[in-house]
């Protein structure tokens, strides 16, 4: 149960709407999309390749590389590697591009809409 008065809640909603309509917020959203959409597409294509090769190129995927290690196992392990790589790249991207923009927006909201 919220302890805020309806006036305080309306003020918070108004702040959110103002921020959501601002050009700074739009810039933040575009910066996020600039990373997320291409990276998501690349990962899904990579994953689909793995699934399709596993289903339709069994002889290739069962090719032994070293001992009992075959191409399918290497591709499967590379799925984990690519996931961690994407997470690391996102953290770097967010530190450089997204966090400064988000900090500016937060400061503006906390200062009542005034830029410093």
C-alpha atoms as a PDB file:
ATOM      1  CA  UNK A   1       0.000   0.000   0.000  1.00  0.00           C
ATOM      2  CA  UNK A   2       1.423   3.357  -1.053  1.00  0.00           C
ATOM      3  CA  UNK A   3       1.771   6.085   1.584  1.00  0.00           C
ATOM      4  CA  UNK A   4       2.010   8.839  -1.018  1.00  0.00           C
ATOM      5  CA  UNK A   5      -0.824  11.275  -1.429  1.00  0.00           C
ATOM      6  CA  UNK A   6      -2.639  11.380  -4.765  1.00  0.00           C
ATOM      7  CA  UNK A   7      -1.029  14.760  -5.449  1.00  0.00           C
ATOM      8  CA  UNK A   8       2.469  13.331  -4.923  1.00  0.00           C
ATOM      9  CA  UNK A   9       1.679  10.376  -7.196  1.00  0.00           C
ATOM     10  CA  UNK A  10       0.356  12.741  -9.870  1.00  0.00           C
ATOM     11  CA  UNK A  11       3.547  14.795  -9.582  1.00  0.00           C
ATOM     12  CA  UNK A  12       5.678  11.664 -10.018  1.00  0.00           C
ATOM     13  CA  UNK A  13       3.594  10.616 -13.026  1.00  0.00           C
ATOM     14  CA  UNK A  14       3.979  14.082 -14.502  1.00  0.00           C
ATOM     15  CA  UNK A  15       7.772  13.893 -14.072  1.00  0.00           C
ATOM     16  CA  UNK A  16       7.862  10.520 -15.781  1.00  0.00           C
ATOM     17  CA  UNK A  17       5.755  11.752 -18.695  1.00  0.00           C
ATOM     18  CA  UNK A  18       7.958  14.837 -19.072  1.00  0.00           C
ATOM     19  CA  UNK A  19      11.105  12.712 -19.087  1.00  0.00           C
ATOM     20  CA  UNK A  20       9.596  10.170 -21.498  1.00  0.00           C
ATOM     21  CA  UNK A  21       8.783  12.981 -23.945  1.00  0.00           C
ATOM     22  CA  UNK A  22      12.196  14.628 -23.669  1.00  0.00           C
ATOM     23  CA  UNK A  23      14.824  14.556 -26.399  1.00  0.00           C
ATOM     24  CA  UNK A  24      17.376  13.265 -23.853  1.00  0.00           C
ATOM     25  CA  UNK A  25      15.224  10.197 -23.178  1.00  0.00           C
ATOM     26  CA  UNK A  26      14.806   9.655 -26.909  1.00  0.00           C
ATOM     27  CA  UNK A  27      18.576   9.862 -27.288  1.00  0.00           C
ATOM     28  CA  UNK A  28      19.001   7.263 -24.517  1.00  0.00           C
ATOM     29  CA  UNK A  29      16.492   4.929 -26.163  1.00  0.00           C
ATOM     30  CA  UNK A  30      18.211   5.262 -29.546  1.00  0.00           C
ATOM     31  CA  UNK A  31      21.606   4.568 -27.972  1.00  0.00           C
ATOM     32  CA  UNK A  32      20.221   1.435 -26.303  1.00  0.00           C
ATOM     33  CA  UNK A  33      18.591   0.241 -29.510  1.00  0.00           C
ATOM     34  CA  UNK A  34      21.797   0.879 -31.449  1.00  0.00           C
ATOM     35  CA  UNK A  35      23.422  -1.880 -29.410  1.00  0.00           C
ATOM     36  CA  UNK A  36      20.558  -4.204 -28.524  1.00  0.00           C
ATOM     37  CA  UNK A  37      18.900  -4.751 -31.896  1.00  0.00           C
ATOM     38  CA  UNK A  38      22.009  -5.628 -33.953  1.00  0.00           C
ATOM     39  CA  UNK A  39      23.459  -7.757 -31.147  1.00  0.00           C
ATOM     40  CA  UNK A  40      20.182  -9.623 -30.684  1.00  0.00           C
ATOM     41  CA  UNK A  41      19.910 -10.256 -34.417  1.00  0.00           C
ATOM     42  CA  UNK A  42      23.512 -11.469 -34.597  1.00  0.00           C
ATOM     43  CA  UNK A  43      23.048 -13.827 -31.656  1.00  0.00           C
ATOM     44  CA  UNK A  44      19.773 -15.239 -32.998  1.00  0.00           C
ATOM     45  CA  UNK A  45      21.357 -15.866 -36.394  1.00  0.00           C
ATOM     46  CA  UNK A  46      24.339 -17.548 -34.699  1.00  0.00           C
ATOM     47  CA  UNK A  47      22.007 -19.707 -32.578  1.00  0.00           C
ATOM     48  CA  UNK A  48      19.798 -20.580 -35.572  1.00  0.00           C
ATOM     49  CA  UNK A  49      22.910 -21.616 -37.501  1.00  0.00           C
ATOM     50  CA  UNK A  50      23.845 -23.960 -34.653  1.00  0.00           C
ATOM     51  CA  UNK A  51      20.347 -25.479 -34.537  1.00  0.00           C
ATOM     52  CA  UNK A  52      20.063 -25.825 -38.320  1.00  0.00           C
ATOM     53  CA  UNK A  53      23.489 -27.400 -38.649  1.00  0.00           C
ATOM     54  CA  UNK A  54      22.648 -29.801 -35.830  1.00  0.00           C
ATOM     55  CA  UNK A  55      19.439 -30.797 -37.585  1.00  0.00           C
ATOM     56  CA  UNK A  56      20.489 -30.864 -41.236  1.00  0.00           C
ATOM     57  CA  UNK A  57      24.285 -31.196 -41.334  1.00  0.00           C
ATOM     58  CA  UNK A  58      24.779 -34.081 -38.970  1.00  0.00           C
ATOM     59  CA  UNK A  59      27.835 -35.420 -40.737  1.00  0.00           C
ATOM     60  CA  UNK A  60      29.565 -32.046 -40.503  1.00  0.00           C
ATOM     61  CA  UNK A  61      28.584 -31.559 -36.856  1.00  0.00           C
ATOM     62  CA  UNK A  62      29.769 -35.042 -35.927  1.00  0.00           C
ATOM     63  CA  UNK A  63      33.206 -34.466 -37.439  1.00  0.00           C
ATOM     64  CA  UNK A  64      35.843 -35.240 -34.812  1.00  0.00           C
ATOM     65  CA  UNK A  65      38.249 -32.387 -34.122  1.00  0.00           C
ATOM     66  CA  UNK A  66      40.359 -33.698 -31.242  1.00  0.00           C
ATOM     67  CA  UNK A  67      39.705 -37.082 -29.653  1.00  0.00           C
ATOM     68  CA  UNK A  68      36.003 -37.309 -28.775  1.00  0.00           C
ATOM     69  CA  UNK A  69      35.447 -33.577 -29.274  1.00  0.00           C
ATOM     70  CA  UNK A  70      33.394 -32.889 -32.383  1.00  0.00           C
ATOM     71  CA  UNK A  71      32.260 -29.757 -34.201  1.00  0.00           C
ATOM     72  CA  UNK A  72      28.821 -29.826 -32.505  1.00  0.00           C
ATOM     73  CA  UNK A  73      30.385 -29.725 -29.040  1.00  0.00           C
ATOM     74  CA  UNK A  74      32.620 -26.831 -30.027  1.00  0.00           C
ATOM     75  CA  UNK A  75      29.653 -24.914 -31.496  1.00  0.00           C
ATOM     76  CA  UNK A  76      27.635 -25.615 -28.350  1.00  0.00           C
ATOM     77  CA  UNK A  77      30.400 -24.326 -26.091  1.00  0.00           C
ATOM     78  CA  UNK A  78      30.821 -21.293 -28.323  1.00  0.00           C
ATOM     79  CA  UNK A  79      27.162 -20.447 -27.594  1.00  0.00           C
ATOM     80  CA  UNK A  80      28.167 -19.910 -23.954  1.00  0.00           C
ATOM     81  CA  UNK A  81      31.253 -17.961 -24.965  1.00  0.00           C
ATOM     82  CA  UNK A  82      29.224 -15.682 -27.231  1.00  0.00           C
ATOM     83  CA  UNK A  83      26.664 -15.091 -24.468  1.00  0.00           C
ATOM     84  CA  UNK A  84      29.365 -13.982 -22.023  1.00  0.00           C
ATOM     85  CA  UNK A  85      31.041 -11.912 -24.738  1.00  0.00           C
ATOM     86  CA  UNK A  86      27.783 -10.084 -25.484  1.00  0.00           C
ATOM     87  CA  UNK A  87      27.228  -9.428 -21.769  1.00  0.00           C
ATOM     88  CA  UNK A  88      30.761  -8.030 -21.445  1.00  0.00           C
ATOM     89  CA  UNK A  89      30.355  -5.877 -24.565  1.00  0.00           C
ATOM     90  CA  UNK A  90      27.031  -4.572 -23.279  1.00  0.00           C
ATOM     91  CA  UNK A  91      28.563  -3.639 -19.916  1.00  0.00           C
ATOM     92  CA  UNK A  92      31.314  -1.703 -21.692  1.00  0.00           C
ATOM     93  CA  UNK A  93      28.818  -0.025 -24.024  1.00  0.00           C
ATOM     94  CA  UNK A  94      26.522   0.901 -21.143  1.00  0.00           C
ATOM     95  CA  UNK A  95      29.419   2.366 -19.152  1.00  0.00           C
ATOM     96  CA  UNK A  96      30.518   4.525 -22.083  1.00  0.00           C
ATOM     97  CA  UNK A  97      27.254   5.463 -23.793  1.00  0.00           C
ATOM     98  CA  UNK A  98      24.141   4.685 -21.748  1.00  0.00           C
ATOM     99  CA  UNK A  99      25.088   5.442 -18.151  1.00  0.00           C
ATOM    100  CA  UNK A 100      26.161   9.057 -18.774  1.00  0.00           C
ATOM    101  CA  UNK A 101      22.862   9.759 -20.545  1.00  0.00           C
ATOM    102  CA  UNK A 102      20.852   8.039 -17.819  1.00  0.00           C
ATOM    103  CA  UNK A 103      22.748   9.968 -15.139  1.00  0.00           C
ATOM    104  CA  UNK A 104      21.920  13.251 -16.870  1.00  0.00           C
ATOM    105  CA  UNK A 105      18.244  12.324 -17.009  1.00  0.00           C
ATOM    106  CA  UNK A 106      18.195  11.263 -13.368  1.00  0.00           C
ATOM    107  CA  UNK A 107      19.845  14.505 -12.266  1.00  0.00           C
ATOM    108  CA  UNK A 108      17.326  16.492 -14.267  1.00  0.00           C
ATOM    109  CA  UNK A 109      14.412  14.661 -12.654  1.00  0.00           C
ATOM    110  CA  UNK A 110      15.899  14.957  -9.180  1.00  0.00           C
ATOM    111  CA  UNK A 111      16.499  18.700  -9.683  1.00  0.00           C
ATOM    112  CA  UNK A 112      12.916  19.286 -10.746  1.00  0.00           C
ATOM    113  CA  UNK A 113      13.638  19.588 -14.457  1.00  0.00           C
ATOM    114  CA  UNK A 114      16.493  22.083 -14.161  1.00  0.00           C
ATOM    115  CA  UNK A 115      19.749  21.348 -15.958  1.00  0.00           C
ATOM    116  CA  UNK A 116      23.005  22.183 -14.223  1.00  0.00           C
END
